[in-house]
Amino acid sequence: MSADVELKRLLPAWERFRAVTDVAPIRNRAHYRRMVAMLEMLLAEAAGNESHPAMELDDIVGDLIEDYEQAHES
């Protein structure tokens, strides 16, 4: 498969994922609060199991939160 074909599959999947989760660079304080709530939900779902699939998404959401905090709460 070429990169072009993969991109044609990736972008629609990303749009659906983002529409359901709102996972994206944090835009404002309300979005920040939603991402913090999602992080808490993911951590509760994983219940300390580092191999739980929720932990990969937890890492991504955590990074987005950290980036926002560094940029806006310095």
Protein backbone atom coordinates (compact mmCIF):
# COMPACT_ATOMS: atom_id res chain seq x y z
CA MET A 1 0.00 0.00 0.00
CA SER A 2 1.21 3.46 -0.79
CA ALA A 3 1.23 6.32 1.71
CA ASP A 4 -1.52 7.98 -0.34
CA VAL A 5 -3.84 5.02 0.14
CA GLU A 6 -3.07 4.87 3.85
CA LEU A 7 -3.79 8.59 4.21
CA LYS A 8 -7.15 8.11 2.51
CA ARG A 9 -7.98 5.53 5.19
CA LEU A 10 -6.38 7.42 8.06
CA LEU A 11 -8.06 10.80 7.74
CA PRO A 12 -11.68 9.54 7.78
CA ALA A 13 -10.85 7.31 10.75
CA TRP A 14 -9.25 10.27 12.55
CA GLU A 15 -12.27 12.48 11.88
CA ARG A 16 -14.63 9.84 13.32
CA PHE A 17 -12.38 9.31 16.35
CA ARG A 18 -12.04 13.03 17.01
CA ALA A 19 -15.80 13.58 16.66
CA VAL A 20 -16.50 10.90 19.27
CA THR A 21 -13.70 11.75 21.71
CA ASP A 22 -12.73 15.39 21.13
CA VAL A 23 -9.09 14.23 21.45
CA ALA A 24 -7.02 16.94 19.78
CA PRO A 25 -4.69 19.70 20.89
CA ILE A 26 -6.53 21.47 23.69
CA ARG A 27 -8.10 24.72 22.49
CA ASN A 28 -9.50 26.34 25.62
CA ARG A 29 -10.31 25.86 29.30
CA ALA A 30 -13.59 24.00 28.62
CA HIS A 31 -11.80 21.56 26.31
CA TYR A 32 -9.10 21.17 28.97
CA ARG A 33 -11.73 20.20 31.56
CA ARG A 34 -13.22 17.62 29.16
CA MET A 35 -9.80 16.09 28.56
CA VAL A 36 -9.07 15.93 32.30
CA ALA A 37 -12.41 14.15 32.79
CA MET A 38 -11.52 11.73 29.99
CA LEU A 39 -8.12 11.07 31.55
CA GLU A 40 -9.77 10.26 34.87
CA MET A 41 -12.23 7.94 33.11
CA LEU A 42 -9.42 6.14 31.27
CA LEU A 43 -7.42 5.69 34.47
CA ALA A 44 -10.48 4.29 36.25
CA GLU A 45 -11.12 1.91 33.35
CA ALA A 46 -7.53 0.63 33.39
CA ALA A 47 -7.60 0.27 37.19
CA GLY A 48 -3.81 0.28 37.43
CA ASN A 49 -3.32 -2.35 34.70
CA GLU A 50 -0.49 -0.90 32.61
CA SER A 51 -1.22 -3.35 29.76
CA HIS A 52 -4.87 -2.27 29.47
CA PRO A 53 -5.66 -0.79 26.02
CA ALA A 54 -6.94 2.39 27.69
CA MET A 55 -3.41 3.18 28.83
CA GLU A 56 -2.20 4.07 25.33
CA LEU A 57 -4.98 6.61 24.97
CA ASP A 58 -4.26 7.72 28.54
CA ASP A 59 -0.69 8.57 27.48
CA ILE A 60 -1.90 10.66 24.54
CA VAL A 61 -4.55 12.54 26.53
CA GLY A 62 -2.07 13.07 29.36
CA ASP A 63 0.44 14.58 26.94
CA LEU A 64 -2.20 16.94 25.53
CA ILE A 65 -3.11 18.04 29.05
CA GLU A 66 0.53 18.56 29.97
CA ASP A 67 1.13 20.64 26.84
CA TYR A 68 -1.87 22.83 27.62
CA GLU A 69 -0.84 23.30 31.24
CA GLN A 70 2.70 24.25 30.29
CA ALA A 71 1.46 26.79 27.76
CA HIS A 72 -1.32 28.33 29.87
CA GLU A 73 -0.46 27.92 33.53
CA SER A 74 3.14 29.06 33.60
